[in-house]
Amino acid sequence: MSKYAILIHDDQSTYINAGPEVWEAVIDAHNTFRAAVFERGGSLVGGEALAPAATTITGGDTVTEGPIITTGHSLNGYYVIEARDLDHAIEIAKLCPAPGGGVEVRLVVDPASNPF
């Protein structure tokens, strides 16, 4: 099994002004997703939600408020899963809630090998 990061890119405005019922629905959707990872034969290594604010450092010392790329979507959270291969990781990632955006799947690089 290999590790894959599922990066959740979503529109923050969906959550910033949302009431408690929206947040509860989001939590329920993510609980359902976590259960589905195991049901599909994968395993969950970790994951966290991220705060809406971002601080970006570029050029070694330039600090700005906001994400590195402004697209209307931001990195709002991530999961790290173990899956048999990329196709299996994609199958699982398709179940990850991101109603205002989408998810990105990336192989987690094993530092003992050179994937490039």
Protein backbone atom coordinates (compact mmCIF):
# COMPACT_ATOMS: atom_id res chain seq x y z
CA MET A 1 0.00 0.00 0.00
CA SER A 2 1.17 3.51 -0.80
CA LYS A 3 0.27 6.77 0.93
CA TYR A 4 -1.74 9.41 -0.90
CA ALA A 5 -2.68 12.92 0.19
CA ILE A 6 -6.20 14.05 -0.61
CA LEU A 7 -6.09 17.85 -0.64
CA ILE A 8 -9.48 19.52 -0.24
CA HIS A 9 -9.79 22.77 -2.20
CA ASP A 10 -13.03 24.56 -1.50
CA ASP A 11 -14.68 27.98 -1.46
CA GLN A 12 -14.17 29.31 2.07
CA SER A 13 -17.23 31.54 1.84
CA THR A 14 -19.33 28.38 2.01
CA TYR A 15 -18.25 27.97 5.62
CA ILE A 16 -17.37 31.45 6.89
CA ASN A 17 -20.94 32.75 7.10
CA ALA A 18 -22.64 29.37 7.48
CA GLY A 19 -24.88 28.56 10.39
CA PRO A 20 -24.40 25.64 12.76
CA GLU A 21 -26.59 23.36 10.64
CA VAL A 22 -24.22 23.72 7.66
CA TRP A 23 -21.18 22.96 9.81
CA GLU A 24 -22.96 19.93 11.29
CA ALA A 25 -23.75 18.66 7.79
CA VAL A 26 -20.08 19.08 6.78
CA ILE A 27 -18.92 17.14 9.85
CA ASP A 28 -21.43 14.37 9.08
CA ALA A 29 -20.22 14.20 5.46
CA HIS A 30 -16.60 13.85 6.59
CA ASN A 31 -17.51 11.18 9.14
CA THR A 32 -19.22 9.27 6.33
CA PHE A 33 -16.13 9.70 4.13
CA ARG A 34 -13.79 8.40 6.84
CA ALA A 35 -15.93 5.27 7.22
CA ALA A 36 -15.95 4.81 3.43
CA VAL A 37 -12.14 4.80 3.28
CA PHE A 38 -12.09 1.58 5.32
CA GLU A 39 -15.12 0.11 3.53
CA ARG A 40 -13.23 0.52 0.23
CA GLY A 41 -10.17 -1.32 1.56
CA GLY A 42 -8.00 1.70 2.29
CA SER A 43 -6.80 3.05 5.60
CA LEU A 44 -6.74 6.53 7.05
CA VAL A 45 -3.32 7.73 8.19
CA GLY A 46 -4.35 11.24 9.20
CA GLY A 47 -6.06 14.44 8.24
CA GLU A 48 -7.10 17.83 9.54
CA ALA A 49 -9.29 20.79 8.69
CA LEU A 50 -7.37 24.02 8.11
CA ALA A 51 -8.27 27.54 9.26
CA PRO A 52 -9.46 29.95 6.57
CA ALA A 53 -6.56 32.38 6.97
CA ALA A 54 -3.35 31.72 5.10
CA THR A 55 0.03 33.41 5.24
CA THR A 56 2.36 32.89 2.29
CA ILE A 57 6.13 33.26 2.27
CA THR A 58 7.77 33.63 -1.15
CA GLY A 59 11.27 34.47 -2.24
CA GLY A 60 12.56 33.38 1.15
CA ASP A 61 11.44 36.47 3.06
CA THR A 62 8.37 38.09 1.48
CA VAL A 63 5.35 37.51 3.73
CA THR A 64 1.82 38.19 2.47
CA GLU A 65 -1.64 37.42 3.77
CA GLY A 66 -3.58 34.95 1.65
CA PRO A 67 -2.91 31.76 -0.30
CA ILE A 68 -0.06 31.45 -2.78
CA ILE A 69 -2.56 31.26 -5.67
CA THR A 70 -5.84 33.16 -5.60
CA THR A 71 -8.50 31.13 -7.38
CA GLY A 72 -11.51 31.61 -5.14
CA HIS A 73 -10.72 28.21 -3.64
CA SER A 74 -8.31 27.53 -0.86
CA LEU A 75 -6.75 24.49 0.78
CA ASN A 76 -9.29 23.85 3.53
CA GLY A 77 -8.14 20.44 4.73
CA TYR A 78 -6.46 17.19 3.85
CA TYR A 79 -6.43 13.48 4.47
CA VAL A 80 -3.56 11.04 4.14
CA ILE A 81 -4.75 7.59 3.16
CA GLU A 82 -3.14 4.29 2.26
CA ALA A 83 -4.37 2.78 -0.98
CA ARG A 84 -3.26 -0.06 -3.26
CA ASP A 85 -2.46 2.26 -6.16
CA LEU A 86 -3.48 5.57 -7.74
CA ASP A 87 -6.71 4.15 -9.15
CA HIS A 88 -7.70 2.95 -5.67
CA ALA A 89 -6.79 6.37 -4.19
CA ILE A 90 -8.91 8.12 -6.84
CA GLU A 91 -11.84 5.79 -6.11
CA ILE A 92 -11.65 6.80 -2.45
CA ALA A 93 -11.00 10.50 -3.14
CA LYS A 94 -14.16 10.75 -5.26
CA LEU A 95 -16.10 10.23 -2.02
CA CYS A 96 -14.40 13.11 -0.17
CA PRO A 97 -16.76 16.04 0.47
CA ALA A 98 -15.80 19.31 -1.22
CA PRO A 99 -19.16 20.81 -2.24
CA GLY A 100 -17.73 24.21 -3.19
CA GLY A 101 -14.66 22.96 -5.03
CA GLY A 102 -12.82 19.68 -5.51
CA VAL A 103 -10.05 17.45 -4.28
CA GLU A 104 -6.53 16.79 -5.50
CA VAL A 105 -4.82 13.41 -5.09
CA ARG A 106 -1.04 13.20 -4.70
CA LEU A 107 1.29 10.33 -3.98
CA VAL A 108 3.21 10.90 -0.74
CA VAL A 109 6.87 10.59 -1.63
CA ASP A 110 8.96 8.04 0.21
CA PRO A 111 12.24 9.87 0.92
CA ALA A 112 14.14 6.58 0.57
CA SER A 113 13.28 6.49 -3.14
CA ASN A 114 13.52 9.06 -5.91
CA PRO A 115 10.15 9.30 -7.71
CA PHE A 116 11.37 11.92 -10.17
